[in-house]
């Protein structure tokens, strides 16, 4: 079985408050994009996990794919598998690659062993692995609330637009991102903003992490400015960074020495 876990971007990201459980209350729209890792899952006598492509730090048992397998096996008593993850999505980039990999392990195991777990059951398991993980169980644009696990589908028509991603190869940790975050006081919801014409997003659709991350890593803010100078209709940092993206009507050109991808939505 071969699967292609996708990256995501955040269209708007509000940080509303810190919760009593230590997490933060957020509001965002997550959109899967056609940039993927490659995940192979096969039946095996002994469990084995292999990772190639972009290097992932840490011991094997802490890898989200391995954690996803252990969690699924605990709940459904499945036999062992061989997992090969080919990593193409940059790490610590605000693109959710690790979360997608974990969720697609759950999806793959559910299909491979014909377990029959529902989307809600898979989302519940995914939430144990990370706040972004539940989003990837269903590949549709969704509004995320709570710590990211409360999801509702949203109609979002961006078909035919082009997306330019630039990652300046800076790793922004979650702790660093939240350390200086300013809580949103904007009363207009993300879904309401996204219902308006895309030409109006620039004025009102904001990622609150930009206010704390840009002063620490000015190059990220510079890249966002560059995307607008190249003709982007809307540009933003994704998640807690460091990837920035621009949405274009026509196909943009390559312009930096960094990790850069141009995708058709």
C-alpha atoms as a PDB file:
ATOM      1  CA  UNK A   1       0.000   0.000   0.000  1.00  0.00           C
ATOM      2  CA  UNK A   2       1.389   3.414  -0.981  1.00  0.00           C
ATOM      3  CA  UNK A   3      -0.136   6.649   0.329  1.00  0.00           C
ATOM      4  CA  UNK A   4       0.697  10.319  -0.221  1.00  0.00           C
ATOM      5  CA  UNK A   5       0.249  12.394   2.968  1.00  0.00           C
ATOM      6  CA  UNK A   6      -0.262  16.036   1.921  1.00  0.00           C
ATOM      7  CA  UNK A   7       1.041  19.253   3.391  1.00  0.00           C
ATOM      8  CA  UNK A   8      -1.400  21.942   4.509  1.00  0.00           C
ATOM      9  CA  UNK A   9      -1.482  25.702   4.683  1.00  0.00           C
ATOM     10  CA  UNK A  10      -3.329  27.876   7.172  1.00  0.00           C
ATOM     11  CA  UNK A  11      -5.631  30.531   5.762  1.00  0.00           C
ATOM     12  CA  UNK A  12      -5.795  32.837   8.750  1.00  0.00           C
ATOM     13  CA  UNK A  13      -4.734  31.767  12.229  1.00  0.00           C
ATOM     14  CA  UNK A  14      -6.097  33.356  15.384  1.00  0.00           C
ATOM     15  CA  UNK A  15      -4.694  32.560  18.813  1.00  0.00           C
ATOM     16  CA  UNK A  16      -7.528  33.424  21.180  1.00  0.00           C
ATOM     17  CA  UNK A  17      -6.284  32.471  24.658  1.00  0.00           C
ATOM     18  CA  UNK A  18      -4.248  30.005  26.691  1.00  0.00           C
ATOM     19  CA  UNK A  19      -6.314  27.156  28.085  1.00  0.00           C
ATOM     20  CA  UNK A  20      -6.152  25.639  31.539  1.00  0.00           C
ATOM     21  CA  UNK A  21      -4.759  22.405  30.032  1.00  0.00           C
ATOM     22  CA  UNK A  22      -1.701  24.272  28.717  1.00  0.00           C
ATOM     23  CA  UNK A  23      -2.831  24.328  25.085  1.00  0.00           C
ATOM     24  CA  UNK A  24      -3.994  27.439  23.234  1.00  0.00           C
ATOM     25  CA  UNK A  25      -7.427  28.118  21.795  1.00  0.00           C
ATOM     26  CA  UNK A  26      -7.098  28.801  18.063  1.00  0.00           C
ATOM     27  CA  UNK A  27      -9.210  29.439  14.987  1.00  0.00           C
ATOM     28  CA  UNK A  28      -7.932  28.757  11.493  1.00  0.00           C
ATOM     29  CA  UNK A  29      -8.817  27.338   8.101  1.00  0.00           C
ATOM     30  CA  UNK A  30      -6.627  24.418   7.048  1.00  0.00           C
ATOM     31  CA  UNK A  31      -6.297  23.505   3.391  1.00  0.00           C
ATOM     32  CA  UNK A  32      -4.462  20.439   2.066  1.00  0.00           C
ATOM     33  CA  UNK A  33      -2.141  21.213  -0.857  1.00  0.00           C
ATOM     34  CA  UNK A  34      -0.529  19.027  -3.569  1.00  0.00           C
ATOM     35  CA  UNK A  35       2.863  18.720  -1.873  1.00  0.00           C
ATOM     36  CA  UNK A  36       3.233  15.258  -0.354  1.00  0.00           C
ATOM     37  CA  UNK A  37       5.399  12.785   1.484  1.00  0.00           C
ATOM     38  CA  UNK A  38       5.325   9.136   0.360  1.00  0.00           C
ATOM     39  CA  UNK A  39       4.234   6.437   2.794  1.00  0.00           C
ATOM     40  CA  UNK A  40       4.482   2.693   2.148  1.00  0.00           C
ATOM     41  CA  UNK A  41       2.788   0.235   4.514  1.00  0.00           C
ATOM     42  CA  UNK A  42       3.122  -3.559   4.107  1.00  0.00           C
ATOM     43  CA  UNK A  43       2.211  -6.562   6.242  1.00  0.00           C
ATOM     44  CA  UNK A  44       5.298  -7.973   8.001  1.00  0.00           C
ATOM     45  CA  UNK A  45       6.349 -10.584  10.545  1.00  0.00           C
ATOM     46  CA  UNK A  46       8.191  -7.979  12.622  1.00  0.00           C
ATOM     47  CA  UNK A  47       7.579  -4.258  12.912  1.00  0.00           C
ATOM     48  CA  UNK A  48      10.087  -2.180  10.967  1.00  0.00           C
ATOM     49  CA  UNK A  49      10.176   1.547  10.241  1.00  0.00           C
ATOM     50  CA  UNK A  50      12.452   3.087   7.618  1.00  0.00           C
ATOM     51  CA  UNK A  51      12.718   6.797   6.871  1.00  0.00           C
ATOM     52  CA  UNK A  52      14.432   8.356   3.838  1.00  0.00           C
ATOM     53  CA  UNK A  53      14.468  11.764   2.177  1.00  0.00           C
ATOM     54  CA  UNK A  54      14.651  14.793   4.470  1.00  0.00           C
ATOM     55  CA  UNK A  55      16.229  13.705   7.746  1.00  0.00           C
ATOM     56  CA  UNK A  56      13.943  13.528  10.788  1.00  0.00           C
ATOM     57  CA  UNK A  57      15.695  13.933  14.132  1.00  0.00           C
ATOM     58  CA  UNK A  58      14.909  11.886  17.235  1.00  0.00           C
ATOM     59  CA  UNK A  59      14.731   8.217  18.098  1.00  0.00           C
ATOM     60  CA  UNK A  60      12.481   5.867  16.148  1.00  0.00           C
ATOM     61  CA  UNK A  61       9.859   5.372  18.857  1.00  0.00           C
ATOM     62  CA  UNK A  62       9.246   9.136  19.059  1.00  0.00           C
ATOM     63  CA  UNK A  63       8.510   9.377  15.319  1.00  0.00           C
ATOM     64  CA  UNK A  64       4.840  10.184  14.746  1.00  0.00           C
ATOM     65  CA  UNK A  65       4.444   7.334  12.250  1.00  0.00           C
ATOM     66  CA  UNK A  66       5.680   4.809  14.800  1.00  0.00           C
ATOM     67  CA  UNK A  67       3.523   6.352  17.513  1.00  0.00           C
ATOM     68  CA  UNK A  68       0.505   6.150  15.193  1.00  0.00           C
ATOM     69  CA  UNK A  69       1.152   2.448  14.535  1.00  0.00           C
ATOM     70  CA  UNK A  70       1.574   1.683  18.257  1.00  0.00           C
ATOM     71  CA  UNK A  71      -1.638   3.547  19.071  1.00  0.00           C
ATOM     72  CA  UNK A  72      -3.664   1.806  16.359  1.00  0.00           C
ATOM     73  CA  UNK A  73      -2.277  -1.601  17.307  1.00  0.00           C
ATOM     74  CA  UNK A  74      -3.173  -0.981  20.954  1.00  0.00           C
ATOM     75  CA  UNK A  75      -6.802  -0.224  20.054  1.00  0.00           C
ATOM     76  CA  UNK A  76      -7.385  -2.789  17.309  1.00  0.00           C
ATOM     77  CA  UNK A  77      -4.844  -5.588  17.957  1.00  0.00           C
ATOM     78  CA  UNK A  78      -3.496  -5.593  14.379  1.00  0.00           C
ATOM     79  CA  UNK A  79      -0.337  -7.562  13.430  1.00  0.00           C
ATOM     80  CA  UNK A  80       3.009  -5.979  12.559  1.00  0.00           C
ATOM     81  CA  UNK A  81       3.842  -3.953   9.473  1.00  0.00           C
ATOM     82  CA  UNK A  82       6.756  -2.510   7.545  1.00  0.00           C
ATOM     83  CA  UNK A  83       6.524   1.276   7.155  1.00  0.00           C
ATOM     84  CA  UNK A  84       8.700   3.303   4.796  1.00  0.00           C
ATOM     85  CA  UNK A  85       8.364   7.088   4.976  1.00  0.00           C
ATOM     86  CA  UNK A  86       9.927   9.143   2.202  1.00  0.00           C
ATOM     87  CA  UNK A  87      10.058  12.672   3.625  1.00  0.00           C
ATOM     88  CA  UNK A  88       9.603  15.505   1.115  1.00  0.00           C
ATOM     89  CA  UNK A  89       7.705  18.103   3.190  1.00  0.00           C
ATOM     90  CA  UNK A  90      10.087  20.332   5.215  1.00  0.00           C
ATOM     91  CA  UNK A  91      10.071  19.899   8.987  1.00  0.00           C
ATOM     92  CA  UNK A  92       9.173  22.684  11.431  1.00  0.00           C
ATOM     93  CA  UNK A  93       7.805  24.631   8.504  1.00  0.00           C
ATOM     94  CA  UNK A  94       4.150  25.191   9.411  1.00  0.00           C
ATOM     95  CA  UNK A  95       3.048  22.725   6.721  1.00  0.00           C
ATOM     96  CA  UNK A  96       1.879  19.894   8.991  1.00  0.00           C
ATOM     97  CA  UNK A  97       3.908  17.163   7.290  1.00  0.00           C
ATOM     98  CA  UNK A  98       4.521  15.118  10.426  1.00  0.00           C
ATOM     99  CA  UNK A  99       0.859  15.337  11.403  1.00  0.00           C
ATOM    100  CA  UNK A 100      -0.197  14.210   7.924  1.00  0.00           C
ATOM    101  CA  UNK A 101       2.181  11.251   8.053  1.00  0.00           C
ATOM    102  CA  UNK A 102       0.750  10.107  11.393  1.00  0.00           C
ATOM    103  CA  UNK A 103      -2.857  10.432  10.238  1.00  0.00           C
ATOM    104  CA  UNK A 104      -2.164   8.571   7.004  1.00  0.00           C
ATOM    105  CA  UNK A 105      -0.618   5.715   8.964  1.00  0.00           C
ATOM    106  CA  UNK A 106      -3.960   5.452  10.802  1.00  0.00           C
ATOM    107  CA  UNK A 107      -5.885   5.630   7.521  1.00  0.00           C
ATOM    108  CA  UNK A 108      -3.601   3.082   5.881  1.00  0.00           C
ATOM    109  CA  UNK A 109      -3.774   0.589   8.727  1.00  0.00           C
ATOM    110  CA  UNK A 110      -7.552   0.924   8.864  1.00  0.00           C
ATOM    111  CA  UNK A 111      -7.777   0.062   5.151  1.00  0.00           C
ATOM    112  CA  UNK A 112      -5.024  -2.584   5.043  1.00  0.00           C
ATOM    113  CA  UNK A 113      -6.531  -4.653   7.851  1.00  0.00           C
ATOM    114  CA  UNK A 114     -10.171  -3.807   7.036  1.00  0.00           C
ATOM    115  CA  UNK A 115     -10.774  -2.626  10.581  1.00  0.00           C
ATOM    116  CA  UNK A 116     -13.740  -0.442   9.669  1.00  0.00           C
ATOM    117  CA  UNK A 117     -12.981   2.391  12.094  1.00  0.00           C
ATOM    118  CA  UNK A 118     -15.137   5.454  11.352  1.00  0.00           C
ATOM    119  CA  UNK A 119     -13.789   8.910  10.523  1.00  0.00           C
ATOM    120  CA  UNK A 120     -14.782  10.062  14.011  1.00  0.00           C
ATOM    121  CA  UNK A 121     -12.916   7.166  15.613  1.00  0.00           C
ATOM    122  CA  UNK A 122      -9.833   7.892  13.513  1.00  0.00           C
ATOM    123  CA  UNK A 123     -10.019  11.578  14.375  1.00  0.00           C
ATOM    124  CA  UNK A 124     -10.194  10.709  18.058  1.00  0.00           C
ATOM    125  CA  UNK A 125      -7.039   8.610  17.760  1.00  0.00           C
ATOM    126  CA  UNK A 126      -5.341  11.285  15.664  1.00  0.00           C
ATOM    127  CA  UNK A 127      -6.034  13.906  18.358  1.00  0.00           C
ATOM    128  CA  UNK A 128      -3.921  11.828  20.748  1.00  0.00           C
ATOM    129  CA  UNK A 129      -0.965  12.253  18.392  1.00  0.00           C
ATOM    130  CA  UNK A 130      -1.145  16.003  17.771  1.00  0.00           C
ATOM    131  CA  UNK A 131      -3.445  18.995  17.419  1.00  0.00           C
ATOM    132  CA  UNK A 132      -3.180  19.143  13.598  1.00  0.00           C
ATOM    133  CA  UNK A 133      -3.533  15.396  13.036  1.00  0.00           C
ATOM    134  CA  UNK A 134      -7.359  15.127  12.991  1.00  0.00           C
ATOM    135  CA  UNK A 135      -7.545  17.536  10.042  1.00  0.00           C
ATOM    136  CA  UNK A 136      -5.832  15.070   7.711  1.00  0.00           C
ATOM    137  CA  UNK A 137      -8.375  12.283   8.227  1.00  0.00           C
ATOM    138  CA  UNK A 138     -10.694  14.012   5.726  1.00  0.00           C
ATOM    139  CA  UNK A 139      -9.067  15.796   2.785  1.00  0.00           C
ATOM    140  CA  UNK A 140     -11.303  18.873   2.640  1.00  0.00           C
ATOM    141  CA  UNK A 141     -10.890  22.516   3.655  1.00  0.00           C
ATOM    142  CA  UNK A 142     -11.892  22.772   7.301  1.00  0.00           C
ATOM    143  CA  UNK A 143     -12.235  25.392  10.020  1.00  0.00           C
ATOM    144  CA  UNK A 144     -10.224  24.280  13.052  1.00  0.00           C
ATOM    145  CA  UNK A 145     -11.099  25.454  16.553  1.00  0.00           C
ATOM    146  CA  UNK A 146     -10.249  24.376  20.094  1.00  0.00           C
ATOM    147  CA  UNK A 147      -6.594  23.352  20.021  1.00  0.00           C
ATOM    148  CA  UNK A 148      -7.134  22.423  16.357  1.00  0.00           C
ATOM    149  CA  UNK A 149      -9.119  19.227  16.816  1.00  0.00           C
ATOM    150  CA  UNK A 150     -12.647  20.712  16.550  1.00  0.00           C
ATOM    151  CA  UNK A 151     -13.269  20.686  12.808  1.00  0.00           C
ATOM    152  CA  UNK A 152     -16.038  21.772  10.472  1.00  0.00           C
ATOM    153  CA  UNK A 153     -15.981  21.655   6.678  1.00  0.00           C
ATOM    154  CA  UNK A 154     -16.069  24.892   4.713  1.00  0.00           C
ATOM    155  CA  UNK A 155     -16.804  25.561   1.063  1.00  0.00           C
ATOM    156  CA  UNK A 156     -13.677  27.145  -0.382  1.00  0.00           C
ATOM    157  CA  UNK A 157     -13.191  27.591  -4.114  1.00  0.00           C
ATOM    158  CA  UNK A 158      -9.529  28.161  -4.963  1.00  0.00           C
ATOM    159  CA  UNK A 159      -9.404  25.820  -7.939  1.00  0.00           C
ATOM    160  CA  UNK A 160      -7.333  27.203 -10.800  1.00  0.00           C
ATOM    161  CA  UNK A 161      -5.231  29.504  -8.628  1.00  0.00           C
ATOM    162  CA  UNK A 162      -1.494  28.962  -8.206  1.00  0.00           C
ATOM    163  CA  UNK A 163       0.274  28.595  -4.885  1.00  0.00           C
ATOM    164  CA  UNK A 164       3.902  29.556  -4.371  1.00  0.00           C
ATOM    165  CA  UNK A 165       5.581  28.167  -1.255  1.00  0.00           C
ATOM    166  CA  UNK A 166       8.911  29.417   0.066  1.00  0.00           C
ATOM    167  CA  UNK A 167      10.629  27.870   3.067  1.00  0.00           C
ATOM    168  CA  UNK A 168      13.773  29.745   4.192  1.00  0.00           C
ATOM    169  CA  UNK A 169      15.082  26.621   5.955  1.00  0.00           C
ATOM    170  CA  UNK A 170      14.487  28.072   9.414  1.00  0.00           C
ATOM    171  CA  UNK A 171      13.034  25.725  12.016  1.00  0.00           C
ATOM    172  CA  UNK A 172      10.466  27.516  14.168  1.00  0.00           C
ATOM    173  CA  UNK A 173       9.587  25.431  17.213  1.00  0.00           C
ATOM    174  CA  UNK A 174       6.105  25.517  18.693  1.00  0.00           C
ATOM    175  CA  UNK A 175       7.444  26.796  22.013  1.00  0.00           C
ATOM    176  CA  UNK A 176       9.260  29.656  20.292  1.00  0.00           C
ATOM    177  CA  UNK A 177       6.172  30.563  18.270  1.00  0.00           C
ATOM    178  CA  UNK A 178       3.830  30.729  21.261  1.00  0.00           C
ATOM    179  CA  UNK A 179       6.333  32.510  23.529  1.00  0.00           C
ATOM    180  CA  UNK A 180       5.625  35.946  22.076  1.00  0.00           C
ATOM    181  CA  UNK A 181       2.201  35.457  20.536  1.00  0.00           C
ATOM    182  CA  UNK A 182      -0.349  38.245  20.896  1.00  0.00           C
ATOM    183  CA  UNK A 183      -3.920  37.064  21.433  1.00  0.00           C
ATOM    184  CA  UNK A 184      -6.371  38.066  18.709  1.00  0.00           C
ATOM    185  CA  UNK A 185      -9.018  40.682  19.454  1.00  0.00           C
ATOM    186  CA  UNK A 186     -10.549  40.599  15.974  1.00  0.00           C
ATOM    187  CA  UNK A 187     -14.253  39.762  16.231  1.00  0.00           C
ATOM    188  CA  UNK A 188     -14.656  38.704  12.594  1.00  0.00           C
ATOM    189  CA  UNK A 189     -14.408  34.924  12.232  1.00  0.00           C
ATOM    190  CA  UNK A 190     -12.073  33.237   9.754  1.00  0.00           C
ATOM    191  CA  UNK A 191     -14.987  31.553   7.949  1.00  0.00           C
ATOM    192  CA  UNK A 192     -16.719  34.917   7.425  1.00  0.00           C
ATOM    193  CA  UNK A 193     -13.552  36.448   5.970  1.00  0.00           C
ATOM    194  CA  UNK A 194     -13.061  33.491   3.613  1.00  0.00           C
ATOM    195  CA  UNK A 195     -16.628  33.908   2.326  1.00  0.00           C
ATOM    196  CA  UNK A 196     -15.607  37.267   0.883  1.00  0.00           C
ATOM    197  CA  UNK A 197     -13.802  37.729  -2.475  1.00  0.00           C
ATOM    198  CA  UNK A 198     -10.155  36.632  -2.361  1.00  0.00           C
ATOM    199  CA  UNK A 199      -9.050  40.166  -3.263  1.00  0.00           C
ATOM    200  CA  UNK A 200     -10.269  41.308   0.193  1.00  0.00           C
ATOM    201  CA  UNK A 201      -8.334  38.706   2.207  1.00  0.00           C
ATOM    202  CA  UNK A 202      -5.148  40.779   2.315  1.00  0.00           C
ATOM    203  CA  UNK A 203      -6.774  43.367   4.591  1.00  0.00           C
ATOM    204  CA  UNK A 204      -8.477  41.063   7.078  1.00  0.00           C
ATOM    205  CA  UNK A 205      -7.140  37.475   6.950  1.00  0.00           C
ATOM    206  CA  UNK A 206      -4.242  37.390   9.394  1.00  0.00           C
ATOM    207  CA  UNK A 207      -1.875  34.870  10.946  1.00  0.00           C
ATOM    208  CA  UNK A 208      -1.323  36.112  14.508  1.00  0.00           C
ATOM    209  CA  UNK A 209       2.040  34.342  14.740  1.00  0.00           C
ATOM    210  CA  UNK A 210       3.514  36.773  12.218  1.00  0.00           C
ATOM    211  CA  UNK A 211       3.592  39.548  14.834  1.00  0.00           C
ATOM    212  CA  UNK A 212       5.878  37.523  17.095  1.00  0.00           C
ATOM    213  CA  UNK A 213       7.887  35.533  14.515  1.00  0.00           C
ATOM    214  CA  UNK A 214       8.765  38.274  11.993  1.00  0.00           C
ATOM    215  CA  UNK A 215      10.829  40.357  14.483  1.00  0.00           C
ATOM    216  CA  UNK A 216      12.829  37.249  15.460  1.00  0.00           C
ATOM    217  CA  UNK A 217      13.275  36.004  11.881  1.00  0.00           C
ATOM    218  CA  UNK A 218      12.997  39.069   9.590  1.00  0.00           C
ATOM    219  CA  UNK A 219      13.700  37.026   6.446  1.00  0.00           C
ATOM    220  CA  UNK A 220      10.274  35.369   6.816  1.00  0.00           C
ATOM    221  CA  UNK A 221       8.552  38.751   6.749  1.00  0.00           C
ATOM    222  CA  UNK A 222      10.751  39.843   3.848  1.00  0.00           C
ATOM    223  CA  UNK A 223       9.651  36.809   1.835  1.00  0.00           C
ATOM    224  CA  UNK A 224       5.993  37.629   2.437  1.00  0.00           C
ATOM    225  CA  UNK A 225       6.620  41.180   1.177  1.00  0.00           C
ATOM    226  CA  UNK A 226       8.409  39.721  -1.845  1.00  0.00           C
ATOM    227  CA  UNK A 227       5.420  37.539  -2.721  1.00  0.00           C
ATOM    228  CA  UNK A 228       3.176  40.592  -2.791  1.00  0.00           C
ATOM    229  CA  UNK A 229       5.700  42.444  -4.960  1.00  0.00           C
ATOM    230  CA  UNK A 230       5.561  39.502  -7.376  1.00  0.00           C
ATOM    231  CA  UNK A 231       1.795  39.876  -7.716  1.00  0.00           C
ATOM    232  CA  UNK A 232       0.300  37.591  -5.088  1.00  0.00           C
ATOM    233  CA  UNK A 233      -3.378  38.248  -4.372  1.00  0.00           C
ATOM    234  CA  UNK A 234      -2.860  37.002  -0.832  1.00  0.00           C
ATOM    235  CA  UNK A 235       0.291  36.039   1.067  1.00  0.00           C
ATOM    236  CA  UNK A 236       0.866  34.744   4.572  1.00  0.00           C
ATOM    237  CA  UNK A 237       3.040  32.641   6.831  1.00  0.00           C
ATOM    238  CA  UNK A 238       1.600  29.154   7.310  1.00  0.00           C
ATOM    239  CA  UNK A 239       0.976  27.913  10.839  1.00  0.00           C
ATOM    240  CA  UNK A 240       3.730  28.927  13.227  1.00  0.00           C
ATOM    241  CA  UNK A 241       6.191  29.195  10.327  1.00  0.00           C
ATOM    242  CA  UNK A 242       8.604  29.332   8.728  1.00  0.00           C
ATOM    243  CA  UNK A 243       7.018  28.691   5.314  1.00  0.00           C
ATOM    244  CA  UNK A 244       5.320  31.589   3.579  1.00  0.00           C
ATOM    245  CA  UNK A 245       2.953  31.234   0.647  1.00  0.00           C
ATOM    246  CA  UNK A 246       1.369  33.411  -1.984  1.00  0.00           C
ATOM    247  CA  UNK A 247      -1.801  32.782  -3.969  1.00  0.00           C
ATOM    248  CA  UNK A 248      -1.592  33.932  -7.611  1.00  0.00           C
ATOM    249  CA  UNK A 249      -4.023  34.100 -10.512  1.00  0.00           C
ATOM    250  CA  UNK A 250      -1.307  33.260 -13.031  1.00  0.00           C
ATOM    251  CA  UNK A 251       1.653  30.921 -12.686  1.00  0.00           C
ATOM    252  CA  UNK A 252       4.470  32.683 -10.787  1.00  0.00           C
ATOM    253  CA  UNK A 253       8.173  32.142 -11.422  1.00  0.00           C
ATOM    254  CA  UNK A 254      10.894  30.815  -9.178  1.00  0.00           C
ATOM    255  CA  UNK A 255      12.703  33.643  -7.372  1.00  0.00           C
ATOM    256  CA  UNK A 256      14.790  32.463  -4.390  1.00  0.00           C
ATOM    257  CA  UNK A 257      17.556  30.041  -3.493  1.00  0.00           C
ATOM    258  CA  UNK A 258      15.438  28.491  -0.755  1.00  0.00           C
ATOM    259  CA  UNK A 259      13.106  25.480  -0.799  1.00  0.00           C
ATOM    260  CA  UNK A 260      10.465  26.663  -3.232  1.00  0.00           C
ATOM    261  CA  UNK A 261       7.481  24.988  -4.854  1.00  0.00           C
ATOM    262  CA  UNK A 262       4.880  26.271  -7.336  1.00  0.00           C
ATOM    263  CA  UNK A 263       1.649  24.280  -7.222  1.00  0.00           C
ATOM    264  CA  UNK A 264      -1.695  24.500  -8.985  1.00  0.00           C
ATOM    265  CA  UNK A 265      -4.618  24.374  -6.572  1.00  0.00           C
END
